[in-house]
């Protein structure tokens, strides 16, 4: 960032601030520290009354054309639960009730924490929102496994199926195979 005279201003130097243990972007003029923290993604595995699972075909990068859960970045001023419900509405015009936390995925390599909730559709009439090319309701045996957008979508679908079959409600975390 530059001022009107072209001089650099604001945080622009990486250094370890006093009392800290890692480099941070700092401003040498005023001492401001620009902390960078993980982004929080919220989403749902939503089931219809007939056990079909809601997926959205992405209309935006990354992974345009691939299937995903209704999910996205949490907004300031909203709870994780409200964010998950908002994302389901924005991407699939889905009305739903959250029934519990399915999983917490910590993805340090991409600076994300994902909170995926279990949900029940209160209305099976869903439609693509502006970030989706299409939406679909799939039985577990018919899920488009080869067309899933992200590894966490596969994890969530597999873990939701396991919990559903075993009848438990405890939350999952990253699979042991996530290196």
N, C-alpha and C. Protein backbone atom coordinates (compact mmCIF):
# COMPACT_ATOMS: atom_id res chain seq x y z
N UNK A 1 0.85 -1.16 0.00
CA UNK A 1 0.00 0.00 0.00
C UNK A 1 0.90 1.24 0.00
N UNK A 2 0.50 2.26 -0.74
CA UNK A 2 1.30 3.49 -0.79
C UNK A 2 0.46 4.70 -0.46
N UNK A 3 1.15 5.74 0.04
CA UNK A 3 0.44 7.00 0.30
C UNK A 3 0.41 7.82 -1.00
N UNK A 4 -0.22 9.00 -1.01
CA UNK A 4 -0.30 9.80 -2.25
C UNK A 4 1.05 10.17 -2.84
N UNK A 5 2.10 10.20 -2.03
CA UNK A 5 3.44 10.53 -2.53
C UNK A 5 4.20 9.31 -3.02
N UNK A 6 3.59 8.13 -2.93
CA UNK A 6 4.22 6.91 -3.40
C UNK A 6 5.03 6.17 -2.36
N UNK A 7 5.04 6.66 -1.12
CA UNK A 7 5.77 5.98 -0.05
C UNK A 7 4.95 4.80 0.46
N UNK A 8 5.65 3.70 0.75
CA UNK A 8 4.94 2.53 1.28
C UNK A 8 4.47 2.82 2.70
N UNK A 9 3.23 2.37 2.98
CA UNK A 9 2.65 2.53 4.30
C UNK A 9 1.98 1.23 4.72
N UNK A 10 1.72 1.09 6.01
CA UNK A 10 0.99 -0.07 6.52
C UNK A 10 1.85 -1.29 6.68
N UNK A 11 1.25 -2.40 7.03
CA UNK A 11 2.00 -3.65 7.25
C UNK A 11 2.69 -4.10 5.96
N UNK A 12 4.04 -4.27 6.04
CA UNK A 12 4.78 -4.63 4.85
C UNK A 12 6.07 -5.40 5.12
N UNK A 13 6.35 -5.64 6.39
CA UNK A 13 7.57 -6.35 6.76
C UNK A 13 7.19 -7.57 7.60
N UNK A 14 7.75 -8.73 7.22
CA UNK A 14 7.56 -9.92 8.04
C UNK A 14 8.66 -9.96 9.09
N UNK A 15 8.25 -10.03 10.36
CA UNK A 15 9.19 -10.16 11.47
C UNK A 15 8.46 -10.81 12.63
N UNK A 16 9.22 -11.29 13.60
CA UNK A 16 8.63 -11.90 14.79
C UNK A 16 8.42 -10.77 15.81
N UNK A 17 7.15 -10.41 16.08
CA UNK A 17 6.90 -9.36 17.06
C UNK A 17 7.34 -9.79 18.46
N UNK A 18 7.68 -8.80 19.29
CA UNK A 18 8.08 -9.08 20.66
C UNK A 18 6.98 -9.89 21.36
N UNK A 19 7.40 -10.97 22.02
CA UNK A 19 6.46 -11.81 22.75
C UNK A 19 5.75 -12.84 21.89
N UNK A 20 6.05 -12.88 20.59
CA UNK A 20 5.41 -13.84 19.69
C UNK A 20 6.41 -14.93 19.34
N UNK A 21 5.95 -15.95 18.59
CA UNK A 21 6.84 -17.04 18.24
C UNK A 21 6.88 -17.33 16.74
N UNK A 22 6.29 -16.44 15.95
CA UNK A 22 6.31 -16.65 14.49
C UNK A 22 6.28 -15.31 13.77
N UNK A 23 6.71 -15.36 12.53
CA UNK A 23 6.72 -14.14 11.73
C UNK A 23 5.30 -13.67 11.45
N UNK A 24 5.12 -12.37 11.51
CA UNK A 24 3.83 -11.74 11.20
C UNK A 24 4.11 -10.54 10.30
N UNK A 25 3.13 -10.17 9.49
CA UNK A 25 3.24 -8.98 8.67
C UNK A 25 3.02 -7.77 9.58
N UNK A 26 4.02 -6.90 9.65
CA UNK A 26 3.96 -5.76 10.57
C UNK A 26 4.22 -4.45 9.85
N UNK A 27 3.82 -3.38 10.50
CA UNK A 27 4.10 -2.03 10.00
C UNK A 27 5.27 -1.47 10.81
N UNK A 28 6.40 -1.15 10.16
CA UNK A 28 7.55 -0.63 10.89
C UNK A 28 7.32 0.80 11.42
N UNK A 29 6.31 1.50 10.89
CA UNK A 29 6.06 2.87 11.31
C UNK A 29 5.23 2.94 12.59
N UNK A 30 4.16 2.13 12.68
CA UNK A 30 3.27 2.23 13.85
C UNK A 30 3.23 0.97 14.71
N UNK A 31 3.85 -0.12 14.24
CA UNK A 31 3.87 -1.36 15.01
C UNK A 31 2.64 -2.24 14.82
N UNK A 32 1.71 -1.85 13.95
CA UNK A 32 0.51 -2.67 13.71
C UNK A 32 0.91 -4.05 13.22
N UNK A 33 0.24 -5.06 13.73
CA UNK A 33 0.47 -6.44 13.31
C UNK A 33 -0.76 -6.94 12.58
N UNK A 34 -0.58 -7.42 11.36
CA UNK A 34 -1.69 -7.96 10.57
C UNK A 34 -1.73 -9.48 10.79
N UNK A 35 -2.54 -9.91 11.75
CA UNK A 35 -2.65 -11.34 12.04
C UNK A 35 -3.43 -12.01 10.92
N UNK A 36 -2.94 -13.15 10.49
CA UNK A 36 -3.63 -13.96 9.50
C UNK A 36 -4.05 -15.25 10.19
N UNK A 37 -5.35 -15.55 10.11
CA UNK A 37 -5.89 -16.71 10.80
C UNK A 37 -6.62 -17.60 9.81
N UNK A 38 -6.84 -18.87 10.19
CA UNK A 38 -7.57 -19.77 9.30
C UNK A 38 -8.97 -19.25 8.98
N UNK A 39 -9.41 -19.59 7.79
CA UNK A 39 -10.79 -19.27 7.39
C UNK A 39 -11.69 -20.42 7.84
N UNK A 40 -12.90 -20.06 8.23
CA UNK A 40 -13.85 -21.08 8.69
C UNK A 40 -14.88 -21.32 7.59
N UNK A 41 -15.00 -22.59 7.20
CA UNK A 41 -15.99 -23.03 6.22
C UNK A 41 -17.08 -23.75 6.99
N UNK A 42 -18.33 -23.45 6.65
CA UNK A 42 -19.47 -24.13 7.27
C UNK A 42 -20.31 -24.76 6.17
N UNK A 43 -20.87 -25.93 6.45
CA UNK A 43 -21.69 -26.60 5.45
C UNK A 43 -22.53 -27.69 6.07
N UNK A 44 -23.28 -28.38 5.20
CA UNK A 44 -24.21 -29.40 5.67
C UNK A 44 -24.18 -30.64 4.79
N UNK A 45 -24.42 -31.78 5.43
CA UNK A 45 -24.86 -32.99 4.74
C UNK A 45 -26.35 -33.05 5.07
N UNK A 46 -27.16 -32.71 4.07
CA UNK A 46 -28.61 -32.62 4.28
C UNK A 46 -29.30 -33.80 3.62
N UNK A 47 -30.18 -34.44 4.39
CA UNK A 47 -30.93 -35.60 3.90
C UNK A 47 -32.40 -35.23 3.75
N UNK A 48 -32.98 -35.72 2.67
CA UNK A 48 -34.42 -35.60 2.47
C UNK A 48 -35.11 -36.71 3.27
N UNK A 49 -36.41 -36.63 3.35
CA UNK A 49 -37.20 -37.63 4.10
C UNK A 49 -36.94 -39.05 3.58
N UNK A 50 -36.68 -39.19 2.29
CA UNK A 50 -36.45 -40.51 1.70
C UNK A 50 -34.98 -40.93 1.73
N UNK A 51 -34.16 -40.23 2.55
CA UNK A 51 -32.74 -40.54 2.78
C UNK A 51 -31.81 -40.05 1.68
N UNK A 52 -32.34 -39.41 0.63
CA UNK A 52 -31.45 -38.88 -0.40
C UNK A 52 -30.67 -37.69 0.16
N UNK A 53 -29.45 -37.52 -0.35
CA UNK A 53 -28.52 -36.50 0.14
C UNK A 53 -28.41 -35.38 -0.90
N UNK A 54 -28.43 -34.15 -0.42
CA UNK A 54 -28.36 -32.97 -1.27
C UNK A 54 -26.92 -32.66 -1.68
N UNK A 55 -26.69 -32.52 -2.98
CA UNK A 55 -25.41 -32.05 -3.51
C UNK A 55 -25.65 -30.92 -4.49
N UNK A 56 -24.63 -30.08 -4.66
CA UNK A 56 -24.69 -28.95 -5.58
C UNK A 56 -23.56 -29.09 -6.60
N UNK A 57 -23.87 -28.83 -7.86
CA UNK A 57 -22.83 -28.81 -8.91
C UNK A 57 -22.30 -27.38 -8.98
N UNK A 58 -21.02 -27.20 -8.71
CA UNK A 58 -20.41 -25.88 -8.57
C UNK A 58 -20.45 -25.07 -9.87
N UNK A 59 -20.81 -23.79 -9.73
CA UNK A 59 -20.81 -22.86 -10.86
C UNK A 59 -19.68 -21.84 -10.73
N UNK A 60 -18.90 -21.94 -9.66
CA UNK A 60 -17.81 -20.99 -9.41
C UNK A 60 -16.52 -21.74 -9.13
N UNK A 61 -15.38 -21.08 -9.36
CA UNK A 61 -14.11 -21.72 -9.03
C UNK A 61 -13.95 -21.85 -7.52
N UNK A 62 -13.16 -22.76 -7.06
CA UNK A 62 -12.51 -23.82 -7.85
C UNK A 62 -13.46 -24.98 -8.12
N UNK A 63 -13.06 -25.85 -8.98
CA UNK A 63 -13.78 -27.10 -9.28
C UNK A 63 -15.15 -26.88 -9.90
N UNK A 64 -15.24 -25.95 -10.84
CA UNK A 64 -16.50 -25.71 -11.56
C UNK A 64 -16.97 -27.02 -12.19
N UNK A 65 -18.26 -27.30 -12.04
CA UNK A 65 -18.86 -28.50 -12.64
C UNK A 65 -18.79 -29.74 -11.78
N UNK A 66 -18.08 -29.68 -10.67
CA UNK A 66 -18.00 -30.82 -9.77
C UNK A 66 -19.03 -30.68 -8.66
N UNK A 67 -19.38 -31.82 -8.06
CA UNK A 67 -20.40 -31.85 -7.02
C UNK A 67 -19.80 -31.59 -5.64
N UNK A 68 -20.55 -30.87 -4.82
CA UNK A 68 -20.11 -30.55 -3.47
C UNK A 68 -21.29 -30.48 -2.53
N UNK A 69 -21.00 -30.40 -1.27
CA UNK A 69 -22.03 -30.13 -0.26
C UNK A 69 -22.32 -28.63 -0.29
N UNK A 70 -23.51 -28.23 0.13
CA UNK A 70 -23.74 -26.80 0.31
C UNK A 70 -22.83 -26.32 1.44
N UNK A 71 -21.88 -25.47 1.12
CA UNK A 71 -20.91 -25.01 2.12
C UNK A 71 -20.22 -23.76 1.60
N UNK A 72 -19.64 -23.01 2.53
CA UNK A 72 -18.89 -21.83 2.16
C UNK A 72 -18.35 -21.13 3.38
N UNK A 73 -17.73 -20.00 3.15
CA UNK A 73 -17.10 -19.26 4.25
C UNK A 73 -18.12 -18.63 5.17
N UNK A 74 -17.85 -18.75 6.45
CA UNK A 74 -18.66 -18.12 7.47
C UNK A 74 -18.47 -16.61 7.36
N UNK A 75 -19.53 -15.86 7.62
CA UNK A 75 -19.48 -14.40 7.57
C UNK A 75 -19.32 -13.83 8.97
N UNK A 76 -18.76 -12.64 9.05
CA UNK A 76 -18.69 -11.95 10.33
C UNK A 76 -20.10 -11.73 10.86
N UNK A 77 -20.27 -11.85 12.15
CA UNK A 77 -21.56 -11.57 12.77
C UNK A 77 -22.57 -12.70 12.70
N UNK A 78 -22.16 -13.89 12.26
CA UNK A 78 -23.11 -15.01 12.25
C UNK A 78 -22.51 -16.19 13.00
N UNK A 79 -23.39 -17.01 13.53
CA UNK A 79 -22.93 -18.23 14.18
C UNK A 79 -22.59 -19.26 13.10
N UNK A 80 -21.85 -20.28 13.49
CA UNK A 80 -21.53 -21.34 12.53
C UNK A 80 -22.80 -22.00 12.01
N UNK A 81 -23.76 -22.21 12.90
CA UNK A 81 -25.02 -22.86 12.51
C UNK A 81 -25.79 -21.97 11.52
N UNK A 82 -25.87 -20.68 11.81
CA UNK A 82 -26.57 -19.77 10.89
C UNK A 82 -25.85 -19.72 9.55
N UNK A 83 -24.54 -19.76 9.56
CA UNK A 83 -23.78 -19.76 8.31
C UNK A 83 -24.04 -21.00 7.48
N UNK A 84 -24.09 -22.15 8.13
CA UNK A 84 -24.37 -23.40 7.40
C UNK A 84 -25.75 -23.35 6.76
N UNK A 85 -26.72 -22.84 7.49
CA UNK A 85 -28.09 -22.73 6.95
C UNK A 85 -28.13 -21.70 5.81
N UNK A 86 -27.41 -20.60 5.95
CA UNK A 86 -27.37 -19.58 4.89
C UNK A 86 -26.76 -20.16 3.62
N UNK A 87 -25.64 -20.89 3.77
CA UNK A 87 -25.00 -21.48 2.60
C UNK A 87 -25.93 -22.47 1.89
N UNK A 88 -26.67 -23.27 2.66
CA UNK A 88 -27.62 -24.21 2.05
C UNK A 88 -28.69 -23.46 1.27
N UNK A 89 -29.13 -22.33 1.78
CA UNK A 89 -30.14 -21.54 1.06
C UNK A 89 -29.52 -20.90 -0.18
N UNK A 90 -28.34 -20.29 -0.04
CA UNK A 90 -27.71 -19.60 -1.17
C UNK A 90 -27.39 -20.56 -2.32
N UNK A 91 -26.91 -21.74 -2.00
CA UNK A 91 -26.45 -22.65 -3.05
C UNK A 91 -27.52 -23.59 -3.57
N UNK A 92 -28.53 -23.90 -2.74
CA UNK A 92 -29.51 -24.91 -3.16
C UNK A 92 -30.95 -24.54 -2.83
N UNK A 93 -31.17 -23.31 -2.39
CA UNK A 93 -32.52 -22.88 -1.97
C UNK A 93 -33.14 -23.91 -1.03
N UNK A 94 -32.28 -24.48 -0.17
CA UNK A 94 -32.70 -25.55 0.73
C UNK A 94 -33.17 -25.00 2.07
N UNK A 95 -34.33 -25.47 2.46
CA UNK A 95 -34.84 -25.21 3.80
C UNK A 95 -34.56 -26.46 4.62
N UNK A 96 -33.94 -26.28 5.78
CA UNK A 96 -33.52 -27.45 6.54
C UNK A 96 -33.48 -27.15 8.03
N UNK A 97 -33.34 -28.24 8.77
CA UNK A 97 -33.15 -28.17 10.22
C UNK A 97 -31.83 -28.88 10.53
N UNK A 98 -30.96 -28.21 11.24
CA UNK A 98 -29.71 -28.83 11.65
C UNK A 98 -29.99 -29.82 12.77
N UNK A 99 -29.32 -30.98 12.72
CA UNK A 99 -29.53 -32.00 13.74
C UNK A 99 -28.28 -32.31 14.55
N UNK A 100 -27.17 -31.66 14.24
CA UNK A 100 -25.95 -31.86 15.02
C UNK A 100 -24.72 -31.66 14.17
N UNK A 101 -23.60 -31.62 14.84
CA UNK A 101 -22.31 -31.46 14.16
C UNK A 101 -21.83 -32.82 13.65
N UNK A 102 -21.54 -32.90 12.38
CA UNK A 102 -21.03 -34.14 11.78
C UNK A 102 -19.52 -34.23 11.94
N UNK A 103 -18.80 -33.15 11.59
CA UNK A 103 -17.34 -33.24 11.57
C UNK A 103 -16.70 -31.87 11.68
N UNK A 104 -15.48 -31.89 12.20
CA UNK A 104 -14.61 -30.72 12.21
C UNK A 104 -13.33 -31.15 11.49
N UNK A 105 -13.04 -30.52 10.37
CA UNK A 105 -11.85 -30.84 9.60
C UNK A 105 -10.86 -29.68 9.73
N UNK A 106 -9.64 -30.00 10.17
CA UNK A 106 -8.57 -29.00 10.29
C UNK A 106 -7.63 -29.18 9.11
N UNK A 107 -7.61 -28.20 8.23
CA UNK A 107 -6.84 -28.29 6.99
C UNK A 107 -5.76 -27.21 6.99
N UNK A 108 -4.70 -27.46 7.74
CA UNK A 108 -3.64 -26.47 7.91
C UNK A 108 -3.01 -26.07 6.58
N UNK A 109 -2.88 -27.01 5.65
CA UNK A 109 -2.20 -26.72 4.39
C UNK A 109 -2.94 -25.68 3.53
N UNK A 110 -4.26 -25.54 3.74
CA UNK A 110 -5.02 -24.53 3.00
C UNK A 110 -5.64 -23.50 3.93
N UNK A 111 -5.20 -23.50 5.19
CA UNK A 111 -5.61 -22.48 6.16
C UNK A 111 -7.12 -22.47 6.40
N UNK A 112 -7.71 -23.65 6.52
CA UNK A 112 -9.15 -23.74 6.75
C UNK A 112 -9.48 -24.64 7.93
N UNK A 113 -10.57 -24.31 8.57
CA UNK A 113 -11.25 -25.21 9.51
C UNK A 113 -12.66 -25.35 8.95
N UNK A 114 -13.09 -26.58 8.73
CA UNK A 114 -14.42 -26.82 8.18
C UNK A 114 -15.32 -27.45 9.24
N UNK A 115 -16.48 -26.85 9.44
CA UNK A 115 -17.50 -27.36 10.35
C UNK A 115 -18.66 -27.85 9.49
N UNK A 116 -18.87 -29.16 9.47
CA UNK A 116 -19.92 -29.74 8.64
C UNK A 116 -21.00 -30.29 9.56
N UNK A 117 -22.23 -29.85 9.32
CA UNK A 117 -23.37 -30.23 10.15
C UNK A 117 -24.22 -31.28 9.46
N UNK A 118 -24.93 -32.07 10.25
CA UNK A 118 -25.98 -32.95 9.75
C UNK A 118 -27.25 -32.11 9.67
N UNK A 119 -28.07 -32.40 8.67
CA UNK A 119 -29.31 -31.63 8.53
C UNK A 119 -30.38 -32.50 7.88
N UNK A 120 -31.61 -32.11 8.11
CA UNK A 120 -32.77 -32.74 7.48
C UNK A 120 -33.47 -31.66 6.67
N UNK A 121 -33.72 -31.98 5.40
CA UNK A 121 -34.47 -31.03 4.57
C UNK A 121 -35.90 -30.98 5.06
N UNK A 122 -36.41 -29.78 5.26
CA UNK A 122 -37.81 -29.63 5.67
C UNK A 122 -38.71 -29.52 4.45
N UNK A 123 -38.10 -29.36 3.30
CA UNK A 123 -38.82 -29.27 2.03
C UNK A 123 -37.90 -29.83 0.96
N UNK A 124 -38.32 -30.85 0.25
CA UNK A 124 -37.48 -31.48 -0.78
C UNK A 124 -37.43 -30.68 -2.08
N UNK A 125 -38.15 -29.56 -2.15
CA UNK A 125 -38.08 -28.71 -3.33
C UNK A 125 -36.85 -27.82 -3.21
N UNK A 126 -35.79 -28.22 -3.90
CA UNK A 126 -34.54 -27.47 -3.91
C UNK A 126 -34.28 -26.99 -5.33
N UNK A 127 -33.47 -25.94 -5.45
CA UNK A 127 -33.16 -25.39 -6.77
C UNK A 127 -31.78 -24.74 -6.71
N UNK A 128 -31.12 -24.71 -7.83
CA UNK A 128 -29.79 -24.11 -7.89
C UNK A 128 -29.84 -22.63 -7.55
N UNK A 129 -28.96 -22.23 -6.65
CA UNK A 129 -28.76 -20.81 -6.36
C UNK A 129 -27.69 -20.27 -7.31
N UNK A 130 -27.28 -19.02 -7.11
CA UNK A 130 -26.34 -18.39 -8.04
C UNK A 130 -24.95 -19.03 -8.10
N UNK A 131 -24.55 -19.79 -7.08
CA UNK A 131 -23.23 -20.42 -7.09
C UNK A 131 -23.26 -21.88 -7.55
N UNK A 132 -24.44 -22.34 -7.99
CA UNK A 132 -24.60 -23.73 -8.39
C UNK A 132 -25.14 -23.82 -9.82
N UNK A 133 -24.59 -24.75 -10.60
CA UNK A 133 -25.13 -25.03 -11.93
C UNK A 133 -26.40 -25.86 -11.83
N UNK A 134 -26.42 -26.73 -10.83
CA UNK A 134 -27.55 -27.64 -10.63
C UNK A 134 -27.48 -28.15 -9.20
N UNK A 135 -28.58 -28.71 -8.73
CA UNK A 135 -28.60 -29.41 -7.45
C UNK A 135 -29.23 -30.77 -7.69
N UNK A 136 -28.91 -31.71 -6.82
CA UNK A 136 -29.49 -33.04 -6.95
C UNK A 136 -29.62 -33.70 -5.61
N UNK A 137 -30.56 -34.62 -5.54
CA UNK A 137 -30.75 -35.45 -4.36
C UNK A 137 -30.37 -36.88 -4.75
N UNK A 138 -29.41 -37.46 -4.02
CA UNK A 138 -28.84 -38.75 -4.37
C UNK A 138 -28.96 -39.73 -3.22
N UNK A 139 -29.33 -40.97 -3.55
CA UNK A 139 -29.18 -42.04 -2.57
C UNK A 139 -27.68 -42.31 -2.43
N UNK A 140 -27.26 -42.78 -1.27
CA UNK A 140 -25.84 -43.00 -1.01
C UNK A 140 -25.21 -43.87 -2.11
N UNK A 141 -25.90 -44.89 -2.54
CA UNK A 141 -25.36 -45.80 -3.56
C UNK A 141 -25.23 -45.15 -4.93
N UNK A 142 -25.88 -44.00 -5.13
CA UNK A 142 -25.84 -43.32 -6.43
C UNK A 142 -25.02 -42.03 -6.42
N UNK A 143 -24.30 -41.76 -5.33
CA UNK A 143 -23.52 -40.53 -5.26
C UNK A 143 -22.45 -40.50 -6.36
N UNK A 144 -22.19 -39.33 -6.95
CA UNK A 144 -21.20 -39.21 -8.03
C UNK A 144 -19.77 -39.13 -7.48
N UNK A 145 -19.27 -40.22 -6.92
CA UNK A 145 -17.99 -40.25 -6.23
C UNK A 145 -16.84 -39.73 -7.08
N UNK A 146 -16.84 -40.02 -8.38
CA UNK A 146 -15.75 -39.59 -9.26
C UNK A 146 -15.86 -38.14 -9.68
N UNK A 147 -16.93 -37.48 -9.27
CA UNK A 147 -17.14 -36.08 -9.66
C UNK A 147 -17.24 -35.16 -8.45
N UNK A 148 -16.70 -35.56 -7.30
CA UNK A 148 -16.76 -34.73 -6.11
C UNK A 148 -15.66 -33.66 -6.16
N UNK A 149 -15.99 -32.47 -5.72
CA UNK A 149 -15.10 -31.32 -5.85
C UNK A 149 -13.90 -31.35 -4.91
N UNK A 150 -14.07 -31.87 -3.70
CA UNK A 150 -13.01 -31.75 -2.70
C UNK A 150 -12.93 -33.02 -1.85
N UNK A 151 -11.75 -33.34 -1.32
CA UNK A 151 -11.63 -34.52 -0.45
C UNK A 151 -12.56 -34.46 0.75
N UNK A 152 -12.77 -33.28 1.31
CA UNK A 152 -13.62 -33.19 2.50
C UNK A 152 -15.07 -33.54 2.21
N UNK A 153 -15.50 -33.37 0.96
CA UNK A 153 -16.86 -33.78 0.59
C UNK A 153 -16.96 -35.30 0.69
N UNK A 154 -15.95 -36.00 0.18
CA UNK A 154 -15.95 -37.46 0.29
C UNK A 154 -15.89 -37.90 1.75
N UNK A 155 -15.04 -37.24 2.54
CA UNK A 155 -14.94 -37.59 3.97
C UNK A 155 -16.30 -37.44 4.64
N UNK A 156 -16.93 -36.29 4.41
CA UNK A 156 -18.21 -36.00 5.09
C UNK A 156 -19.29 -37.00 4.67
N UNK A 157 -19.37 -37.31 3.38
CA UNK A 157 -20.38 -38.24 2.91
C UNK A 157 -20.15 -39.64 3.49
N UNK A 158 -18.89 -40.06 3.52
CA UNK A 158 -18.55 -41.38 4.07
C UNK A 158 -18.82 -41.43 5.57
N UNK A 159 -18.41 -40.39 6.29
CA UNK A 159 -18.61 -40.37 7.73
C UNK A 159 -20.08 -40.22 8.09
N UNK A 160 -20.83 -39.45 7.31
CA UNK A 160 -22.27 -39.34 7.56
C UNK A 160 -22.94 -40.70 7.37
N UNK A 161 -22.55 -41.41 6.32
CA UNK A 161 -23.12 -42.73 6.07
C UNK A 161 -22.78 -43.68 7.23
N UNK A 162 -21.54 -43.65 7.69
CA UNK A 162 -21.13 -44.49 8.82
C UNK A 162 -21.97 -44.16 10.05
N UNK A 163 -22.10 -42.89 10.37
CA UNK A 163 -22.89 -42.49 11.55
C UNK A 163 -24.35 -42.88 11.39
N UNK A 164 -24.87 -42.70 10.18
CA UNK A 164 -26.27 -43.04 9.91
C UNK A 164 -26.51 -44.54 10.08
N UNK A 165 -25.60 -45.35 9.56
CA UNK A 165 -25.75 -46.80 9.64
C UNK A 165 -25.55 -47.32 11.07
N UNK A 166 -24.64 -46.68 11.81
CA UNK A 166 -24.35 -47.13 13.17
C UNK A 166 -25.24 -46.45 14.21
N UNK A 167 -25.97 -45.43 13.79
CA UNK A 167 -26.88 -44.75 14.70
C UNK A 167 -26.22 -43.92 15.78
N UNK A 168 -25.04 -43.38 15.48
CA UNK A 168 -24.40 -42.52 16.49
C UNK A 168 -24.34 -41.08 16.01
N UNK A 169 -24.18 -40.18 16.96
CA UNK A 169 -24.18 -38.76 16.64
C UNK A 169 -22.91 -38.04 17.00
N UNK A 170 -21.85 -38.77 17.33
CA UNK A 170 -20.61 -38.09 17.69
C UNK A 170 -19.95 -37.48 16.46
N UNK A 171 -19.23 -36.40 16.67
CA UNK A 171 -18.58 -35.70 15.54
C UNK A 171 -17.29 -36.41 15.14
N UNK A 172 -16.96 -36.33 13.87
CA UNK A 172 -15.75 -36.89 13.30
C UNK A 172 -14.70 -35.79 13.16
N UNK A 173 -13.49 -36.21 12.79
CA UNK A 173 -12.40 -35.29 12.46
C UNK A 173 -11.75 -35.79 11.18
N UNK A 174 -10.60 -35.20 10.82
CA UNK A 174 -9.90 -35.63 9.63
C UNK A 174 -9.66 -37.14 9.69
N UNK A 175 -9.82 -37.85 8.56
CA UNK A 175 -9.47 -39.27 8.54
C UNK A 175 -7.96 -39.45 8.77
N UNK A 176 -7.57 -40.59 9.28
CA UNK A 176 -6.17 -40.87 9.55
C UNK A 176 -5.33 -40.81 8.27
N UNK A 177 -5.96 -41.00 7.12
CA UNK A 177 -5.22 -41.01 5.85
C UNK A 177 -4.91 -39.62 5.35
N UNK A 178 -5.43 -38.56 6.01
CA UNK A 178 -5.13 -37.20 5.58
C UNK A 178 -3.75 -36.83 6.09
N UNK A 179 -2.74 -36.82 5.16
CA UNK A 179 -1.36 -36.63 5.52
C UNK A 179 -0.96 -35.25 5.74
